[in-house]
Every structure is written in C-alpha cells, then in structure tokens.
C-alpha cells in the first residue's frame, strides 16, 4: 500500500484516481477525496535562488507544499526545480504563474 501511495498520482482510462489511506475506525464515506499530489516544474529561476525555501515561499500559489527535488539543478537542458504539491482537483489547473521579485 505504501508503494502505491508513494507513486501517486495514478490514473485509469485517463481519469485521475484519488486514493487515501484509512485510519483504524475511520468512516470511508467521510474522507474528502478532493486533493491529489502532483510534481510541478518551476522554470526560469536563477540558479542562486534554487533552494527549498523558495519552493516553500511559493506555497500561496498552491494548496500545500509536500516535497522539494533539486536533482535537476545545473543540468544541461533540465535546469528547473521540481516541487511536489497538494492540489484541490475541484479547481482548474494553472498553466503558468509568473512571479516577479523587486
């Protein structure tokens, strides 16, 4: 079960499957199946700003920050930051969000 949950998101026939691990005694009918984790790519950020705190600062554009992956930093043709976020699937996806700094 942990491997399945770690591999989220899952789809079936191009439809998102939302899974949740039940706790002992929890009523499955009361689990809100409206949040799903997704990996988001953040491009065009100067290398000196690529760090986990920047990812966390972007949380006001997302539902919840889950995880940071900086393994692509500085790699040719793959220079972007990956952030795993929790998204409310009832809301439309944002294709792009431009962030300006002073």
PDB file of N, CA and C in Angstrom:
ATOM      1  N   UNK A   1       0.821  -1.190   0.000  1.00  0.00           N
ATOM      2  CA  UNK A   1       0.000   0.000   0.000  1.00  0.00           C
ATOM      3  C   UNK A   1       0.871   1.262   0.000  1.00  0.00           C
ATOM      4  N   UNK A   2       1.952   1.260   0.776  1.00  0.00           N
ATOM      5  CA  UNK A   2       2.830   2.436   0.835  1.00  0.00           C
ATOM      6  C   UNK A   2       3.434   2.735  -0.536  1.00  0.00           C
ATOM      7  N   UNK A   3       3.813   1.686  -1.271  1.00  0.00           N
ATOM      8  CA  UNK A   3       4.384   1.873  -2.606  1.00  0.00           C
ATOM      9  C   UNK A   3       3.360   2.504  -3.544  1.00  0.00           C
ATOM     10  N   UNK A   4       2.118   2.090  -3.426  1.00  0.00           N
ATOM     11  CA  UNK A   4       1.051   2.661  -4.260  1.00  0.00           C
ATOM     12  C   UNK A   4       0.850   4.135  -3.920  1.00  0.00           C
ATOM     13  N   UNK A   5       0.781   4.460  -2.633  1.00  0.00           N
ATOM     14  CA  UNK A   5       0.574   5.847  -2.220  1.00  0.00           C
ATOM     15  C   UNK A   5       1.767   6.726  -2.572  1.00  0.00           C
ATOM     16  N   UNK A   6       2.975   6.175  -2.494  1.00  0.00           N
ATOM     17  CA  UNK A   6       4.173   6.951  -2.830  1.00  0.00           C
ATOM     18  C   UNK A   6       4.225   7.248  -4.332  1.00  0.00           C
ATOM     19  N   UNK A   7       3.645   6.380  -5.158  1.00  0.00           N
ATOM     20  CA  UNK A   7       3.673   6.545  -6.607  1.00  0.00           C
ATOM     21  C   UNK A   7       2.583   7.437  -7.170  1.00  0.00           C
ATOM     22  N   UNK A   8       1.787   8.075  -6.315  1.00  0.00           N
ATOM     23  CA  UNK A   8       0.698   8.933  -6.778  1.00  0.00           C
ATOM     24  C   UNK A   8       1.211  10.066  -7.649  1.00  0.00           C
ATOM     25  N   UNK A   9       0.459  10.598  -8.565  1.00  0.00           N
ATOM     26  CA  UNK A   9      -0.932  10.284  -8.868  1.00  0.00           C
ATOM     27  C   UNK A   9      -1.062   9.100  -9.834  1.00  0.00           C
ATOM     28  N   UNK A  10      -2.152   8.390  -9.706  1.00  0.00           N
ATOM     29  CA  UNK A  10      -2.482   7.263 -10.569  1.00  0.00           C
ATOM     30  C   UNK A  10      -3.675   7.640 -11.436  1.00  0.00           C
ATOM     31  N   UNK A  11      -3.739   7.029 -12.622  1.00  0.00           N
ATOM     32  CA  UNK A  11      -4.883   7.256 -13.499  1.00  0.00           C
ATOM     33  C   UNK A  11      -5.414   5.917 -13.995  1.00  0.00           C
ATOM     34  N   UNK A  12      -6.666   5.927 -14.423  1.00  0.00           N
ATOM     35  CA  UNK A  12      -7.292   4.776 -15.053  1.00  0.00           C
ATOM     36  C   UNK A  12      -8.130   5.318 -16.198  1.00  0.00           C
ATOM     37  N   UNK A  13      -7.859   4.847 -17.420  1.00  0.00           N
ATOM     38  CA  UNK A  13      -8.548   5.352 -18.621  1.00  0.00           C
ATOM     39  C   UNK A  13      -8.486   6.879 -18.699  1.00  0.00           C
ATOM     40  N   UNK A  14      -7.314   7.428 -18.414  1.00  0.00           N
ATOM     41  CA  UNK A  14      -7.077   8.879 -18.444  1.00  0.00           C
ATOM     42  C   UNK A  14      -7.893   9.665 -17.424  1.00  0.00           C
ATOM     43  N   UNK A  15      -8.357   9.005 -16.381  1.00  0.00           N
ATOM     44  CA  UNK A  15      -9.074   9.675 -15.301  1.00  0.00           C
ATOM     45  C   UNK A  15      -8.259   9.536 -14.028  1.00  0.00           C
ATOM     46  N   UNK A  16      -8.165  10.621 -13.287  1.00  0.00           N
ATOM     47  CA  UNK A  16      -7.402  10.646 -12.054  1.00  0.00           C
ATOM     48  C   UNK A  16      -8.059   9.770 -10.993  1.00  0.00           C
ATOM     49  N   UNK A  17      -7.253   8.920 -10.357  1.00  0.00           N
ATOM     50  CA  UNK A  17      -7.715   8.141  -9.207  1.00  0.00           C
ATOM     51  C   UNK A  17      -7.197   8.827  -7.954  1.00  0.00           C
ATOM     52  N   UNK A  18      -8.084   9.159  -7.047  1.00  0.00           N
ATOM     53  CA  UNK A  18      -7.681   9.780  -5.791  1.00  0.00           C
ATOM     54  C   UNK A  18      -7.790   8.725  -4.704  1.00  0.00           C
ATOM     55  N   UNK A  19      -6.654   8.465  -4.058  1.00  0.00           N
ATOM     56  CA  UNK A  19      -6.586   7.432  -3.031  1.00  0.00           C
ATOM     57  C   UNK A  19      -6.271   8.058  -1.683  1.00  0.00           C
ATOM     58  N   UNK A  20      -6.735   7.398  -0.627  1.00  0.00           N
ATOM     59  CA  UNK A  20      -6.427   7.849   0.724  1.00  0.00           C
ATOM     60  C   UNK A  20      -6.319   6.625   1.619  1.00  0.00           C
ATOM     61  N   UNK A  21      -5.335   6.645   2.494  1.00  0.00           N
ATOM     62  CA  UNK A  21      -5.153   5.539   3.432  1.00  0.00           C
ATOM     63  C   UNK A  21      -6.085   5.758   4.624  1.00  0.00           C
ATOM     64  N   UNK A  22      -6.906   4.754   4.918  1.00  0.00           N
ATOM     65  CA  UNK A  22      -7.841   4.850   6.038  1.00  0.00           C
ATOM     66  C   UNK A  22      -7.138   4.536   7.350  1.00  0.00           C
ATOM     67  N   UNK A  23      -7.494   5.300   8.372  1.00  0.00           N
ATOM     68  CA  UNK A  23      -7.017   5.007   9.723  1.00  0.00           C
ATOM     69  C   UNK A  23      -8.021   4.071  10.375  1.00  0.00           C
ATOM     70  N   UNK A  24      -7.577   3.343  11.374  1.00  0.00           N
ATOM     71  CA  UNK A  24      -8.456   2.394  12.070  1.00  0.00           C
ATOM     72  C   UNK A  24      -9.695   3.124  12.601  1.00  0.00           C
ATOM     73  N   UNK A  25     -10.861   2.602  12.267  1.00  0.00           N
ATOM     74  CA  UNK A  25     -12.116   3.165  12.734  1.00  0.00           C
ATOM     75  C   UNK A  25     -12.620   4.362  11.943  1.00  0.00           C
ATOM     76  N   UNK A  26     -11.887   4.771  10.922  1.00  0.00           N
ATOM     77  CA  UNK A  26     -12.279   5.937  10.129  1.00  0.00           C
ATOM     78  C   UNK A  26     -13.401   5.570   9.158  1.00  0.00           C
ATOM     79  N   UNK A  27     -14.368   6.458   9.027  1.00  0.00           N
ATOM     80  CA  UNK A  27     -15.501   6.244   8.130  1.00  0.00           C
ATOM     81  C   UNK A  27     -15.085   6.623   6.707  1.00  0.00           C
ATOM     82  N   UNK A  28     -15.032   5.657   5.774  1.00  0.00           N
ATOM     83  CA  UNK A  28     -14.599   5.961   4.407  1.00  0.00           C
ATOM     84  C   UNK A  28     -15.510   6.960   3.691  1.00  0.00           C
ATOM     85  N   UNK A  29     -16.755   7.053   4.116  1.00  0.00           N
ATOM     86  CA  UNK A  29     -17.682   7.990   3.475  1.00  0.00           C
ATOM     87  C   UNK A  29     -17.418   9.437   3.884  1.00  0.00           C
ATOM     88  N   UNK A  30     -16.603   9.627   4.911  1.00  0.00           N
ATOM     89  CA  UNK A  30     -16.312  10.986   5.382  1.00  0.00           C
ATOM     90  C   UNK A  30     -14.931  11.479   4.962  1.00  0.00           C
ATOM     91  N   UNK A  31     -14.243  10.708   4.121  1.00  0.00           N
ATOM     92  CA  UNK A  31     -12.928  11.110   3.621  1.00  0.00           C
ATOM     93  C   UNK A  31     -13.143  12.014   2.405  1.00  0.00           C
ATOM     94  N   UNK A  32     -12.683  13.265   2.457  1.00  0.00           N
ATOM     95  CA  UNK A  32     -12.840  14.139   1.281  1.00  0.00           C
ATOM     96  C   UNK A  32     -11.801  13.785   0.210  1.00  0.00           C
ATOM     97  N   UNK A  33     -12.235  13.164  -0.853  1.00  0.00           N
ATOM     98  CA  UNK A  33     -11.330  12.770  -1.939  1.00  0.00           C
ATOM     99  C   UNK A  33     -11.270  13.888  -2.979  1.00  0.00           C
ATOM    100  N   UNK A  34     -10.673  15.000  -2.582  1.00  0.00           N
ATOM    101  CA  UNK A  34     -10.608  16.165  -3.464  1.00  0.00           C
ATOM    102  C   UNK A  34      -9.188  16.686  -3.634  1.00  0.00           C
ATOM    103  N   UNK A  35      -8.217  16.096  -2.947  1.00  0.00           N
ATOM    104  CA  UNK A  35      -6.828  16.551  -3.040  1.00  0.00           C
ATOM    105  C   UNK A  35      -5.954  15.467  -3.649  1.00  0.00           C
ATOM    106  N   UNK A  36      -5.044  15.888  -4.520  1.00  0.00           N
ATOM    107  CA  UNK A  36      -4.122  14.943  -5.153  1.00  0.00           C
ATOM    108  C   UNK A  36      -2.737  15.577  -5.231  1.00  0.00           C
ATOM    109  N   UNK A  37      -1.691  14.756  -5.051  1.00  0.00           N
ATOM    110  CA  UNK A  37      -0.327  15.286  -5.162  1.00  0.00           C
ATOM    111  C   UNK A  37       0.135  15.309  -6.615  1.00  0.00           C
ATOM    112  N   UNK A  38       0.867  16.361  -6.982  1.00  0.00           N
ATOM    113  CA  UNK A  38       1.433  16.487  -8.321  1.00  0.00           C
ATOM    114  C   UNK A  38       2.828  17.078  -8.224  1.00  0.00           C
ATOM    115  N   UNK A  39       3.701  16.668  -9.144  1.00  0.00           N
ATOM    116  CA  UNK A  39       5.010  17.304  -9.277  1.00  0.00           C
ATOM    117  C   UNK A  39       4.863  18.470 -10.235  1.00  0.00           C
ATOM    118  N   UNK A  40       5.323  19.651  -9.820  1.00  0.00           N
ATOM    119  CA  UNK A  40       5.260  20.871 -10.616  1.00  0.00           C
ATOM    120  C   UNK A  40       6.686  21.296 -10.940  1.00  0.00           C
ATOM    121  N   UNK A  41       6.915  21.707 -12.180  1.00  0.00           N
ATOM    122  CA  UNK A  41       8.235  22.207 -12.584  1.00  0.00           C
ATOM    123  C   UNK A  41       8.241  23.729 -12.510  1.00  0.00           C
ATOM    124  N   UNK A  42       9.311  24.285 -11.924  1.00  0.00           N
ATOM    125  CA  UNK A  42       9.470  25.732 -11.840  1.00  0.00           C
ATOM    126  C   UNK A  42      10.679  26.104 -12.685  1.00  0.00           C
ATOM    127  N   UNK A  43      10.418  26.852 -13.769  1.00  0.00           N
ATOM    128  CA  UNK A  43      11.450  27.212 -14.744  1.00  0.00           C
ATOM    129  C   UNK A  43      11.855  28.676 -14.613  1.00  0.00           C
ATOM    130  N   UNK A  44      12.972  29.008 -15.269  1.00  0.00           N
ATOM    131  CA  UNK A  44      13.456  30.386 -15.397  1.00  0.00           C
ATOM    132  C   UNK A  44      13.714  31.073 -14.060  1.00  0.00           C
ATOM    133  N   UNK A  45      14.215  30.319 -13.118  1.00  0.00           N
ATOM    134  CA  UNK A  45      14.619  30.881 -11.832  1.00  0.00           C
ATOM    135  C   UNK A  45      16.143  30.863 -11.805  1.00  0.00           C
ATOM    136  N   UNK A  46      16.780  31.989 -11.469  1.00  0.00           N
ATOM    137  CA  UNK A  46      18.248  31.990 -11.402  1.00  0.00           C
ATOM    138  C   UNK A  46      18.762  30.912 -10.444  1.00  0.00           C
ATOM    139  N   UNK A  47      19.866  30.287 -10.824  1.00  0.00           N
ATOM    140  CA  UNK A  47      20.436  29.182 -10.047  1.00  0.00           C
ATOM    141  C   UNK A  47      20.609  29.550  -8.574  1.00  0.00           C
ATOM    142  N   UNK A  48      21.009  30.783  -8.291  1.00  0.00           N
ATOM    143  CA  UNK A  48      21.257  31.169  -6.897  1.00  0.00           C
ATOM    144  C   UNK A  48      19.981  31.165  -6.057  1.00  0.00           C
ATOM    145  N   UNK A  49      18.813  31.160  -6.708  1.00  0.00           N
ATOM    146  CA  UNK A  49      17.544  31.141  -5.977  1.00  0.00           C
ATOM    147  C   UNK A  49      16.927  29.753  -5.874  1.00  0.00           C
ATOM    148  N   UNK A  50      17.572  28.761  -6.483  1.00  0.00           N
ATOM    149  CA  UNK A  50      17.045  27.402  -6.445  1.00  0.00           C
ATOM    150  C   UNK A  50      17.341  26.776  -5.089  1.00  0.00           C
ATOM    151  N   UNK A  51      16.419  26.817  -4.215  1.00  0.00           N
ATOM    152  CA  UNK A  51      16.582  26.150  -2.930  1.00  0.00           C
ATOM    153  C   UNK A  51      15.200  25.862  -2.348  1.00  0.00           C
ATOM    154  N   UNK A  52      15.171  25.008  -1.341  1.00  0.00           N
ATOM    155  CA  UNK A  52      13.896  24.536  -0.806  1.00  0.00           C
ATOM    156  C   UNK A  52      13.052  25.671  -0.230  1.00  0.00           C
ATOM    157  N   UNK A  53      13.673  26.669   0.383  1.00  0.00           N
ATOM    158  CA  UNK A  53      12.897  27.771   0.953  1.00  0.00           C
ATOM    159  C   UNK A  53      12.128  28.543  -0.116  1.00  0.00           C
ATOM    160  N   UNK A  54      12.697  28.677  -1.318  1.00  0.00           N
ATOM    161  CA  UNK A  54      11.970  29.334  -2.404  1.00  0.00           C
ATOM    162  C   UNK A  54      10.725  28.524  -2.745  1.00  0.00           C
ATOM    163  N   UNK A  55      10.881  27.225  -2.805  1.00  0.00           N
ATOM    164  CA  UNK A  55       9.736  26.359  -3.095  1.00  0.00           C
ATOM    165  C   UNK A  55       8.644  26.558  -2.049  1.00  0.00           C
ATOM    166  N   UNK A  56       9.043  26.653  -0.797  1.00  0.00           N
ATOM    167  CA  UNK A  56       8.056  26.854   0.268  1.00  0.00           C
ATOM    168  C   UNK A  56       7.419  28.242   0.200  1.00  0.00           C
ATOM    169  N   UNK A  57       8.177  29.249  -0.276  1.00  0.00           N
ATOM    170  CA  UNK A  57       7.622  30.594  -0.413  1.00  0.00           C
ATOM    171  C   UNK A  57       6.518  30.651  -1.466  1.00  0.00           C
ATOM    172  N   UNK A  58       6.557  29.740  -2.408  1.00  0.00           N
ATOM    173  CA  UNK A  58       5.551  29.712  -3.471  1.00  0.00           C
ATOM    174  C   UNK A  58       4.246  29.071  -3.015  1.00  0.00           C
ATOM    175  N   UNK A  59       4.177  28.699  -1.757  1.00  0.00           N
ATOM    176  CA  UNK A  59       3.008  27.962  -1.267  1.00  0.00           C
ATOM    177  C   UNK A  59       1.698  28.732  -1.400  1.00  0.00           C
ATOM    178  N   UNK A  60       1.748  30.071  -1.472  1.00  0.00           N
ATOM    179  CA  UNK A  60       0.489  30.801  -1.609  1.00  0.00           C
ATOM    180  C   UNK A  60      -0.114  30.646  -3.003  1.00  0.00           C
ATOM    181  N   UNK A  61       0.589  30.022  -3.926  1.00  0.00           N
ATOM    182  CA  UNK A  61       0.049  29.746  -5.258  1.00  0.00           C
ATOM    183  C   UNK A  61      -0.436  28.303  -5.382  1.00  0.00           C
ATOM    184  N   UNK A  62      -0.236  27.535  -4.336  1.00  0.00           N
ATOM    185  CA  UNK A  62      -0.588  26.117  -4.356  1.00  0.00           C
ATOM    186  C   UNK A  62      -1.357  25.780  -3.088  1.00  0.00           C
ATOM    187  N   UNK A  63      -1.968  24.622  -3.039  1.00  0.00           N
ATOM    188  CA  UNK A  63      -2.704  24.200  -1.844  1.00  0.00           C
ATOM    189  C   UNK A  63      -1.755  23.906  -0.687  1.00  0.00           C
ATOM    190  N   UNK A  64      -0.767  23.052  -0.933  1.00  0.00           N
ATOM    191  CA  UNK A  64       0.161  22.683   0.140  1.00  0.00           C
ATOM    192  C   UNK A  64       1.473  22.187  -0.453  1.00  0.00           C
ATOM    193  N   UNK A  65       2.566  22.607   0.142  1.00  0.00           N
ATOM    194  CA  UNK A  65       3.898  22.139  -0.238  1.00  0.00           C
ATOM    195  C   UNK A  65       4.122  20.772   0.398  1.00  0.00           C
ATOM    196  N   UNK A  66       4.566  19.786  -0.399  1.00  0.00           N
ATOM    197  CA  UNK A  66       4.823  18.449   0.123  1.00  0.00           C
ATOM    198  C   UNK A  66       6.298  18.084   0.115  1.00  0.00           C
ATOM    199  N   UNK A  67       6.977  18.376  -1.000  1.00  0.00           N
ATOM    200  CA  UNK A  67       8.346  17.887  -1.159  1.00  0.00           C
ATOM    201  C   UNK A  67       9.088  18.733  -2.189  1.00  0.00           C
ATOM    202  N   UNK A  68      10.400  18.755  -2.071  1.00  0.00           N
ATOM    203  CA  UNK A  68      11.265  19.510  -2.974  1.00  0.00           C
ATOM    204  C   UNK A  68      12.270  18.551  -3.597  1.00  0.00           C
ATOM    205  N   UNK A  69      12.542  18.725  -4.898  1.00  0.00           N
ATOM    206  CA  UNK A  69      13.545  17.909  -5.582  1.00  0.00           C
ATOM    207  C   UNK A  69      14.453  18.838  -6.375  1.00  0.00           C
ATOM    208  N   UNK A  70      15.681  18.974  -5.924  1.00  0.00           N
ATOM    209  CA  UNK A  70      16.634  19.839  -6.604  1.00  0.00           C
ATOM    210  C   UNK A  70      17.628  19.083  -7.453  1.00  0.00           C
ATOM    211  N   UNK A  71      17.339  17.829  -7.777  1.00  0.00           N
ATOM    212  CA  UNK A  71      18.301  16.990  -8.503  1.00  0.00           C
ATOM    213  C   UNK A  71      18.553  17.457  -9.936  1.00  0.00           C
ATOM    214  N   UNK A  72      17.670  18.278 -10.504  1.00  0.00           N
ATOM    215  CA  UNK A  72      17.854  18.751 -11.884  1.00  0.00           C
ATOM    216  C   UNK A  72      18.644  20.047 -11.965  1.00  0.00           C
ATOM    217  N   UNK A  73      18.967  20.626 -10.836  1.00  0.00           N
ATOM    218  CA  UNK A  73      19.630  21.930 -10.835  1.00  0.00           C
ATOM    219  C   UNK A  73      20.990  21.862 -11.494  1.00  0.00           C
ATOM    220  N   UNK A  74      21.229  22.796 -12.403  1.00  0.00           N
ATOM    221  CA  UNK A  74      22.517  22.896 -13.074  1.00  0.00           C
ATOM    222  C   UNK A  74      22.735  21.894 -14.187  1.00  0.00           C
ATOM    223  N   UNK A  75      21.780  21.022 -14.446  1.00  0.00           N
ATOM    224  CA  UNK A  75      21.927  20.044 -15.528  1.00  0.00           C
ATOM    225  C   UNK A  75      21.505  20.684 -16.847  1.00  0.00           C
ATOM    226  N   UNK A  76      22.298  20.430 -17.857  1.00  0.00           N
ATOM    227  CA  UNK A  76      22.013  20.978 -19.180  1.00  0.00           C
ATOM    228  C   UNK A  76      20.663  20.472 -19.676  1.00  0.00           C
ATOM    229  N   UNK A  77      19.848  21.380 -20.196  1.00  0.00           N
ATOM    230  CA  UNK A  77      18.515  21.089 -20.738  1.00  0.00           C
ATOM    231  C   UNK A  77      17.522  20.595 -19.691  1.00  0.00           C
ATOM    232  N   UNK A  78      17.892  20.587 -18.430  1.00  0.00           N
ATOM    233  CA  UNK A  78      16.967  20.145 -17.387  1.00  0.00           C
ATOM    234  C   UNK A  78      17.094  21.053 -16.166  1.00  0.00           C
ATOM    235  N   UNK A  79      17.339  22.316 -16.390  1.00  0.00           N
ATOM    236  CA  UNK A  79      17.593  23.232 -15.288  1.00  0.00           C
ATOM    237  C   UNK A  79      16.281  23.824 -14.765  1.00  0.00           C
ATOM    238  N   UNK A  80      15.605  23.082 -13.927  1.00  0.00           N
ATOM    239  CA  UNK A  80      14.367  23.540 -13.311  1.00  0.00           C
ATOM    240  C   UNK A  80      14.250  22.908 -11.931  1.00  0.00           C
ATOM    241  N   UNK A  81      13.418  23.512 -11.127  1.00  0.00           N
ATOM    242  CA  UNK A  81      13.162  22.991  -9.795  1.00  0.00           C
ATOM    243  C   UNK A  81      11.848  22.209  -9.828  1.00  0.00           C
ATOM    244  N   UNK A  82      11.837  21.061  -9.168  1.00  0.00           N
ATOM    245  CA  UNK A  82      10.599  20.283  -9.056  1.00  0.00           C
ATOM    246  C   UNK A  82      10.082  20.404  -7.625  1.00  0.00           C
ATOM    247  N   UNK A  83       8.773  20.629  -7.522  1.00  0.00           N
ATOM    248  CA  UNK A  83       8.132  20.752  -6.225  1.00  0.00           C
ATOM    249  C   UNK A  83       6.894  19.864  -6.235  1.00  0.00           C
ATOM    250  N   UNK A  84       6.758  19.044  -5.219  1.00  0.00           N
ATOM    251  CA  UNK A  84       5.556  18.218  -5.098  1.00  0.00           C
ATOM    252  C   UNK A  84       4.550  18.990  -4.256  1.00  0.00           C
ATOM    253  N   UNK A  85       3.352  19.169  -4.812  1.00  0.00           N
ATOM    254  CA  UNK A  85       2.326  19.978  -4.159  1.00  0.00           C
ATOM    255  C   UNK A  85       1.017  19.208  -4.067  1.00  0.00           C
ATOM    256  N   UNK A  86       0.184  19.623  -3.141  1.00  0.00           N
ATOM    257  CA  UNK A  86      -1.157  19.061  -2.980  1.00  0.00           C
ATOM    258  C   UNK A  86      -2.111  20.016  -3.682  1.00  0.00           C
ATOM    259  N   UNK A  87      -2.913  19.514  -4.606  1.00  0.00           N
ATOM    260  CA  UNK A  87      -3.803  20.360  -5.399  1.00  0.00           C
ATOM    261  C   UNK A  87      -5.250  19.938  -5.175  1.00  0.00           C
ATOM    262  N   UNK A  88      -6.121  20.933  -5.037  1.00  0.00           N
ATOM    263  CA  UNK A  88      -7.557  20.693  -4.941  1.00  0.00           C
ATOM    264  C   UNK A  88      -8.059  20.442  -6.361  1.00  0.00           C
ATOM    265  N   UNK A  89      -8.490  19.220  -6.639  1.00  0.00           N
ATOM    266  CA  UNK A  89      -8.859  18.847  -8.011  1.00  0.00           C
ATOM    267  C   UNK A  89     -10.182  19.465  -8.455  1.00  0.00           C
ATOM    268  N   UNK A  90     -10.885  20.119  -7.548  1.00  0.00           N
ATOM    269  CA  UNK A  90     -12.130  20.797  -7.930  1.00  0.00           C
ATOM    270  C   UNK A  90     -11.850  22.132  -8.604  1.00  0.00           C
ATOM    271  N   UNK A  91     -10.620  22.634  -8.446  1.00  0.00           N
ATOM    272  CA  UNK A  91     -10.244  23.924  -9.034  1.00  0.00           C
ATOM    273  C   UNK A  91      -9.512  23.692 -10.350  1.00  0.00           C
ATOM    274  N   UNK A  92      -9.636  24.622 -11.307  1.00  0.00           N
ATOM    275  CA  UNK A  92      -8.906  24.459 -12.575  1.00  0.00           C
ATOM    276  C   UNK A  92      -7.400  24.577 -12.357  1.00  0.00           C
ATOM    277  N   UNK A  93      -6.639  23.848 -13.165  1.00  0.00           N
ATOM    278  CA  UNK A  93      -5.181  23.915 -13.088  1.00  0.00           C
ATOM    279  C   UNK A  93      -4.689  25.234 -13.660  1.00  0.00           C
ATOM    280  N   UNK A  94      -3.640  25.755 -13.065  1.00  0.00           N
ATOM    281  CA  UNK A  94      -2.986  26.949 -13.602  1.00  0.00           C
ATOM    282  C   UNK A  94      -1.875  26.492 -14.520  1.00  0.00           C
ATOM    283  N   UNK A  95      -1.885  26.969 -15.740  1.00  0.00           N
ATOM    284  CA  UNK A  95      -0.855  26.577 -16.701  1.00  0.00           C
ATOM    285  C   UNK A  95       0.457  27.270 -16.399  1.00  0.00           C
ATOM    286  N   UNK A  96       0.385  28.521 -15.966  1.00  0.00           N
ATOM    287  CA  UNK A  96       1.582  29.317 -15.750  1.00  0.00           C
ATOM    288  C   UNK A  96       1.319  30.327 -14.655  1.00  0.00           C
ATOM    289  N   UNK A  97       2.325  30.588 -13.878  1.00  0.00           N
ATOM    290  CA  UNK A  97       2.248  31.654 -12.882  1.00  0.00           C
ATOM    291  C   UNK A  97       3.564  32.386 -12.906  1.00  0.00           C
ATOM    292  N   UNK A  98       3.527  33.675 -13.214  1.00  0.00           N
ATOM    293  CA  UNK A  98       4.747  34.469 -13.260  1.00  0.00           C
ATOM    294  C   UNK A  98       4.928  35.150 -11.912  1.00  0.00           C
ATOM    295  N   UNK A  99       6.127  35.014 -11.370  1.00  0.00           N
ATOM    296  CA  UNK A  99       6.457  35.616 -10.087  1.00  0.00           C
ATOM    297  C   UNK A  99       7.555  36.632 -10.329  1.00  0.00           C
ATOM    298  N   UNK A 100       7.340  37.849  -9.875  1.00  0.00           N
ATOM    299  CA  UNK A 100       8.331  38.915 -10.052  1.00  0.00           C
ATOM    300  C   UNK A 100       8.925  39.259  -8.693  1.00  0.00           C
ATOM    301  N   UNK A 101      10.206  39.550  -8.668  1.00  0.00           N
ATOM    302  CA  UNK A 101      10.842  39.997  -7.428  1.00  0.00           C
ATOM    303  C   UNK A 101      11.329  41.425  -7.608  1.00  0.00           C
ATOM    304  N   UNK A 102      11.458  42.123  -6.508  1.00  0.00           N
ATOM    305  CA  UNK A 102      11.899  43.527  -6.573  1.00  0.00           C
ATOM    306  C   UNK A 102      13.391  43.628  -6.547  1.00  0.00           C
TER     307      UNK A 102
END
